[in-house]
Amino acid sequence: MVELVAGDITAERVDAIVNAANSSLLGGGGVDGAIHRKGGPEILAACRALRAGHLGKGLRAGQAVATTAGRLPAKWVVHTVGPVWSATEDRSATLRDCYTNSLAVAAGLGARSVSFPLLSSGVYRWPKDDAVAQALVALRDLPPGVDLVRLVLFDQETLEIAERVRAATN
């Protein structure tokens, strides 16, 4: 089941929260900054450990990796790097990969519930209506064991956009 809600992703009481990370995994603005601030230093320490190991060059767009959720009400944070929107290059497959790879990582941890922000729709400028459409396509088939996926939208306006897109695609 995929739910659409408006709210604060850092307050989500689910098994895994997905972070719209940057490739450095070391925090940033928007969702990434909020997750690092509210989750506390444990998340940053786990990200630094990943960077010191097999992710020395950072995380590529479309990939996903998990850490502790620190002080957040979730068990894990799954970090993924969304693509920057381009008017001249179709990067939709990479955006969908963010969702499917994050779900696979969460399912591999045993997560039954996962909350996502609307990836790439902030500073990466992906048009919100298409970002929702790409998310819904990617979230159509949930992996075994994942019962609930929540798309947590920043505000009521974005929720209304998401509901319109969902209604048009059903």
C-alpha atoms as a PDB file:
ATOM      1  CA  MET A   1       0.000   0.000   0.000  1.00  0.00           C
ATOM      2  CA  VAL A   2       1.277   3.480  -0.910  1.00  0.00           C
ATOM      3  CA  GLU A   3      -0.034   6.404   1.131  1.00  0.00           C
ATOM      4  CA  LEU A   4       0.278  10.096   0.286  1.00  0.00           C
ATOM      5  CA  VAL A   5       0.556  12.451   3.277  1.00  0.00           C
ATOM      6  CA  ALA A   6       1.725  15.974   3.996  1.00  0.00           C
ATOM      7  CA  GLY A   7       4.100  16.240   6.921  1.00  0.00           C
ATOM      8  CA  ASP A   8       7.563  16.176   8.424  1.00  0.00           C
ATOM      9  CA  ILE A   9       9.483  13.084   7.354  1.00  0.00           C
ATOM     10  CA  THR A  10      11.697  13.295  10.453  1.00  0.00           C
ATOM     11  CA  ALA A  11       8.630  12.587  12.620  1.00  0.00           C
ATOM     12  CA  GLU A  12       7.631   9.431  10.722  1.00  0.00           C
ATOM     13  CA  ARG A  13       7.197   6.365  12.925  1.00  0.00           C
ATOM     14  CA  VAL A  14       8.174   3.747  10.366  1.00  0.00           C
ATOM     15  CA  ASP A  15      10.942   1.174  10.116  1.00  0.00           C
ATOM     16  CA  ALA A  16      12.933   3.145   7.536  1.00  0.00           C
ATOM     17  CA  ILE A  17      13.026   6.764   6.442  1.00  0.00           C
ATOM     18  CA  VAL A  18      14.548   7.560   3.075  1.00  0.00           C
ATOM     19  CA  ASN A  19      16.904  10.517   2.951  1.00  0.00           C
ATOM     20  CA  ALA A  20      17.275  12.716  -0.122  1.00  0.00           C
ATOM     21  CA  ALA A  21      21.033  12.760   0.383  1.00  0.00           C
ATOM     22  CA  ASN A  22      23.816  14.387  -1.555  1.00  0.00           C
ATOM     23  CA  SER A  23      26.625  12.215  -2.889  1.00  0.00           C
ATOM     24  CA  SER A  24      28.967  13.082   0.000  1.00  0.00           C
ATOM     25  CA  LEU A  25      26.535  11.559   2.550  1.00  0.00           C
ATOM     26  CA  LEU A  26      27.783  14.195   4.996  1.00  0.00           C
ATOM     27  CA  GLY A  27      24.608  16.254   5.371  1.00  0.00           C
ATOM     28  CA  GLY A  28      23.307  19.213   3.479  1.00  0.00           C
ATOM     29  CA  GLY A  29      20.157  21.288   3.193  1.00  0.00           C
ATOM     30  CA  GLY A  30      16.487  20.435   2.871  1.00  0.00           C
ATOM     31  CA  VAL A  31      15.430  16.907   3.827  1.00  0.00           C
ATOM     32  CA  ASP A  32      19.064  15.818   4.170  1.00  0.00           C
ATOM     33  CA  GLY A  33      19.889  18.570   6.646  1.00  0.00           C
ATOM     34  CA  ALA A  34      16.708  17.989   8.650  1.00  0.00           C
ATOM     35  CA  ILE A  35      17.387  14.252   8.951  1.00  0.00           C
ATOM     36  CA  HIS A  36      20.979  14.833  10.057  1.00  0.00           C
ATOM     37  CA  ARG A  37      19.960  17.551  12.573  1.00  0.00           C
ATOM     38  CA  LYS A  38      17.097  15.610  14.153  1.00  0.00           C
ATOM     39  CA  GLY A  39      18.797  12.219  13.906  1.00  0.00           C
ATOM     40  CA  GLY A  40      21.877  13.468  15.704  1.00  0.00           C
ATOM     41  CA  PRO A  41      25.567  12.694  15.366  1.00  0.00           C
ATOM     42  CA  GLU A  42      25.063   8.931  15.059  1.00  0.00           C
ATOM     43  CA  ILE A  43      23.872   9.300  11.461  1.00  0.00           C
ATOM     44  CA  LEU A  44      26.829  11.454  10.467  1.00  0.00           C
ATOM     45  CA  ALA A  45      29.234   9.027  12.166  1.00  0.00           C
ATOM     46  CA  ALA A  46      27.708   6.106  10.227  1.00  0.00           C
ATOM     47  CA  CYS A  47      27.943   8.069   6.963  1.00  0.00           C
ATOM     48  CA  ARG A  48      31.571   8.932   7.653  1.00  0.00           C
ATOM     49  CA  ALA A  49      32.285   5.238   8.234  1.00  0.00           C
ATOM     50  CA  LEU A  50      30.730   4.419   4.840  1.00  0.00           C
ATOM     51  CA  ARG A  51      32.867   7.106   3.204  1.00  0.00           C
ATOM     52  CA  ALA A  52      35.971   5.701   4.905  1.00  0.00           C
ATOM     53  CA  GLY A  53      35.112   2.277   3.492  1.00  0.00           C
ATOM     54  CA  HIS A  54      33.610   1.171   0.207  1.00  0.00           C
ATOM     55  CA  LEU A  55      31.944   4.535  -0.532  1.00  0.00           C
ATOM     56  CA  GLY A  56      35.132   6.574  -0.514  1.00  0.00           C
ATOM     57  CA  LYS A  57      34.074   8.484  -3.619  1.00  0.00           C
ATOM     58  CA  GLY A  58      30.523   8.991  -2.376  1.00  0.00           C
ATOM     59  CA  LEU A  59      27.161   7.598  -3.403  1.00  0.00           C
ATOM     60  CA  ARG A  60      26.124   7.796  -7.065  1.00  0.00           C
ATOM     61  CA  ALA A  61      22.692   9.001  -8.139  1.00  0.00           C
ATOM     62  CA  GLY A  62      20.153   6.193  -8.052  1.00  0.00           C
ATOM     63  CA  GLN A  63      22.040   4.090  -5.513  1.00  0.00           C
ATOM     64  CA  ALA A  64      20.986   3.569  -1.891  1.00  0.00           C
ATOM     65  CA  VAL A  65      22.687   2.675   1.380  1.00  0.00           C
ATOM     66  CA  ALA A  66      21.429   2.404   4.971  1.00  0.00           C
ATOM     67  CA  THR A  67      22.603   3.709   8.326  1.00  0.00           C
ATOM     68  CA  THR A  68      21.214   3.933  11.803  1.00  0.00           C
ATOM     69  CA  ALA A  69      18.381   6.422  12.294  1.00  0.00           C
ATOM     70  CA  GLY A  70      20.046   7.833  15.390  1.00  0.00           C
ATOM     71  CA  ARG A  71      17.482   9.788  17.404  1.00  0.00           C
ATOM     72  CA  LEU A  72      14.734   9.609  14.787  1.00  0.00           C
ATOM     73  CA  PRO A  73      11.653   7.473  15.555  1.00  0.00           C
ATOM     74  CA  ALA A  74      12.616   5.064  12.732  1.00  0.00           C
ATOM     75  CA  LYS A  75      15.110   2.175  12.944  1.00  0.00           C
ATOM     76  CA  TRP A  76      17.082   3.040   9.806  1.00  0.00           C
ATOM     77  CA  VAL A  77      17.762   5.825   7.365  1.00  0.00           C
ATOM     78  CA  VAL A  78      18.180   4.767   3.749  1.00  0.00           C
ATOM     79  CA  HIS A  79      20.218   7.384   1.902  1.00  0.00           C
ATOM     80  CA  THR A  80      19.744   7.866  -1.831  1.00  0.00           C
ATOM     81  CA  VAL A  81      20.982  10.519  -4.230  1.00  0.00           C
ATOM     82  CA  GLY A  82      18.413  11.773  -6.688  1.00  0.00           C
ATOM     83  CA  PRO A  83      19.301  13.148 -10.090  1.00  0.00           C
ATOM     84  CA  VAL A  84      19.202  16.844 -10.895  1.00  0.00           C
ATOM     85  CA  TRP A  85      16.367  17.570 -13.334  1.00  0.00           C
ATOM     86  CA  SER A  86      17.410  18.361 -16.881  1.00  0.00           C
ATOM     87  CA  ALA A  87      15.325  19.748 -19.718  1.00  0.00           C
ATOM     88  CA  THR A  88      17.717  18.214 -22.269  1.00  0.00           C
ATOM     89  CA  GLU A  89      18.434  14.759 -20.813  1.00  0.00           C
ATOM     90  CA  ASP A  90      15.875  12.220 -19.562  1.00  0.00           C
ATOM     91  CA  ARG A  91      17.009  11.133 -16.098  1.00  0.00           C
ATOM     92  CA  SER A  92      13.687   9.559 -15.117  1.00  0.00           C
ATOM     93  CA  ALA A  93      15.120   6.039 -14.884  1.00  0.00           C
ATOM     94  CA  THR A  94      17.683   7.229 -12.346  1.00  0.00           C
ATOM     95  CA  LEU A  95      14.951   8.876 -10.276  1.00  0.00           C
ATOM     96  CA  ARG A  96      12.919   5.658 -10.313  1.00  0.00           C
ATOM     97  CA  ASP A  97      16.082   3.731  -9.345  1.00  0.00           C
ATOM     98  CA  CYS A  98      16.288   5.857  -6.193  1.00  0.00           C
ATOM     99  CA  TYR A  99      12.920   4.525  -5.090  1.00  0.00           C
ATOM    100  CA  THR A 100      13.398   0.895  -6.122  1.00  0.00           C
ATOM    101  CA  ASN A 101      16.950   0.635  -4.757  1.00  0.00           C
ATOM    102  CA  SER A 102      15.921   2.298  -1.487  1.00  0.00           C
ATOM    103  CA  LEU A 103      13.042  -0.163  -1.155  1.00  0.00           C
ATOM    104  CA  ALA A 104      15.376  -3.078  -1.827  1.00  0.00           C
ATOM    105  CA  VAL A 105      17.810  -1.876   0.855  1.00  0.00           C
ATOM    106  CA  ALA A 106      14.976  -1.337   3.344  1.00  0.00           C
ATOM    107  CA  ALA A 107      13.453  -4.748   2.598  1.00  0.00           C
ATOM    108  CA  GLY A 108      16.883  -6.343   3.014  1.00  0.00           C
ATOM    109  CA  LEU A 109      17.026  -4.898   6.530  1.00  0.00           C
ATOM    110  CA  GLY A 110      13.591  -6.318   7.331  1.00  0.00           C
ATOM    111  CA  ALA A 111      11.699  -3.022   7.130  1.00  0.00           C
ATOM    112  CA  ARG A 112       7.956  -3.442   6.765  1.00  0.00           C
ATOM    113  CA  SER A 113       7.193   0.293   6.554  1.00  0.00           C
ATOM    114  CA  VAL A 114       9.141   2.942   4.635  1.00  0.00           C
ATOM    115  CA  SER A 115       8.636   6.700   4.280  1.00  0.00           C
ATOM    116  CA  PHE A 116      10.006   8.654   1.325  1.00  0.00           C
ATOM    117  CA  PRO A 117      10.253  12.356   0.615  1.00  0.00           C
ATOM    118  CA  LEU A 118       9.463  13.467  -2.942  1.00  0.00           C
ATOM    119  CA  LEU A 119      12.977  12.900  -4.269  1.00  0.00           C
ATOM    120  CA  SER A 120      14.716  15.472  -6.484  1.00  0.00           C
ATOM    121  CA  SER A 121      11.793  17.923  -6.250  1.00  0.00           C
ATOM    122  CA  GLY A 122      13.555  20.498  -4.083  1.00  0.00           C
ATOM    123  CA  VAL A 123      16.926  22.012  -4.944  1.00  0.00           C
ATOM    124  CA  TYR A 124      17.315  19.475  -7.774  1.00  0.00           C
ATOM    125  CA  ARG A 125      14.338  21.223  -9.461  1.00  0.00           C
ATOM    126  CA  TRP A 126      12.435  18.153 -10.713  1.00  0.00           C
ATOM    127  CA  PRO A 127       8.876  19.310 -11.600  1.00  0.00           C
ATOM    128  CA  LYS A 128       6.651  18.108  -8.790  1.00  0.00           C
ATOM    129  CA  ASP A 129       3.963  16.560 -10.959  1.00  0.00           C
ATOM    130  CA  ASP A 130       6.493  14.438 -12.852  1.00  0.00           C
ATOM    131  CA  ALA A 131       8.412  13.638  -9.645  1.00  0.00           C
ATOM    132  CA  VAL A 132       5.181  12.225  -8.207  1.00  0.00           C
ATOM    133  CA  ALA A 133       4.480  10.276 -11.411  1.00  0.00           C
ATOM    134  CA  GLN A 134       7.979   8.750 -11.358  1.00  0.00           C
ATOM    135  CA  ALA A 135       7.629   7.856  -7.662  1.00  0.00           C
ATOM    136  CA  LEU A 136       4.261   6.171  -8.173  1.00  0.00           C
ATOM    137  CA  VAL A 137       5.581   4.112 -11.097  1.00  0.00           C
ATOM    138  CA  ALA A 138       8.604   3.004  -9.048  1.00  0.00           C
ATOM    139  CA  LEU A 139       6.493   2.207  -5.983  1.00  0.00           C
ATOM    140  CA  ARG A 140       3.878   0.220  -7.910  1.00  0.00           C
ATOM    141  CA  ASP A 141       5.392  -3.166  -6.985  1.00  0.00           C
ATOM    142  CA  LEU A 142       6.580  -3.380  -3.391  1.00  0.00           C
ATOM    143  CA  PRO A 143       9.159  -5.998  -2.440  1.00  0.00           C
ATOM    144  CA  PRO A 144       8.030  -8.943  -0.299  1.00  0.00           C
ATOM    145  CA  GLY A 145       7.760  -7.981   3.359  1.00  0.00           C
ATOM    146  CA  VAL A 146       7.202  -4.254   2.770  1.00  0.00           C
ATOM    147  CA  ASP A 147       3.563  -3.588   3.651  1.00  0.00           C
ATOM    148  CA  LEU A 148       3.437   0.188   3.772  1.00  0.00           C
ATOM    149  CA  VAL A 149       5.148   2.937   1.806  1.00  0.00           C
ATOM    150  CA  ARG A 150       4.363   6.510   2.654  1.00  0.00           C
ATOM    151  CA  LEU A 151       5.229   9.395   0.343  1.00  0.00           C
ATOM    152  CA  VAL A 152       5.640  12.287   2.786  1.00  0.00           C
ATOM    153  CA  LEU A 153       5.081  15.547   0.964  1.00  0.00           C
ATOM    154  CA  PHE A 154       6.419  18.865   2.190  1.00  0.00           C
ATOM    155  CA  ASP A 155       3.146  20.797   2.259  1.00  0.00           C
ATOM    156  CA  GLN A 156      -0.555  20.690   1.473  1.00  0.00           C
ATOM    157  CA  GLU A 157      -0.025  22.133  -2.023  1.00  0.00           C
ATOM    158  CA  THR A 158       2.369  19.310  -2.937  1.00  0.00           C
ATOM    159  CA  LEU A 159      -0.043  16.762  -1.450  1.00  0.00           C
ATOM    160  CA  GLU A 160      -2.814  18.116  -3.689  1.00  0.00           C
ATOM    161  CA  ILE A 161      -0.517  17.835  -6.737  1.00  0.00           C
ATOM    162  CA  ALA A 162       0.293  14.241  -5.754  1.00  0.00           C
ATOM    163  CA  GLU A 163      -3.357  13.333  -5.312  1.00  0.00           C
ATOM    164  CA  ARG A 164      -4.210  14.778  -8.760  1.00  0.00           C
ATOM    165  CA  VAL A 165      -1.346  12.858 -10.395  1.00  0.00           C
ATOM    166  CA  ARG A 166      -2.362   9.636  -8.653  1.00  0.00           C
ATOM    167  CA  ALA A 167      -5.989  10.029  -9.704  1.00  0.00           C
ATOM    168  CA  ALA A 168      -4.948  10.673 -13.319  1.00  0.00           C
ATOM    169  CA  THR A 169      -2.752   7.564 -13.449  1.00  0.00           C
ATOM    170  CA  ASN A 170      -5.189   5.103 -11.846  1.00  0.00           C
END
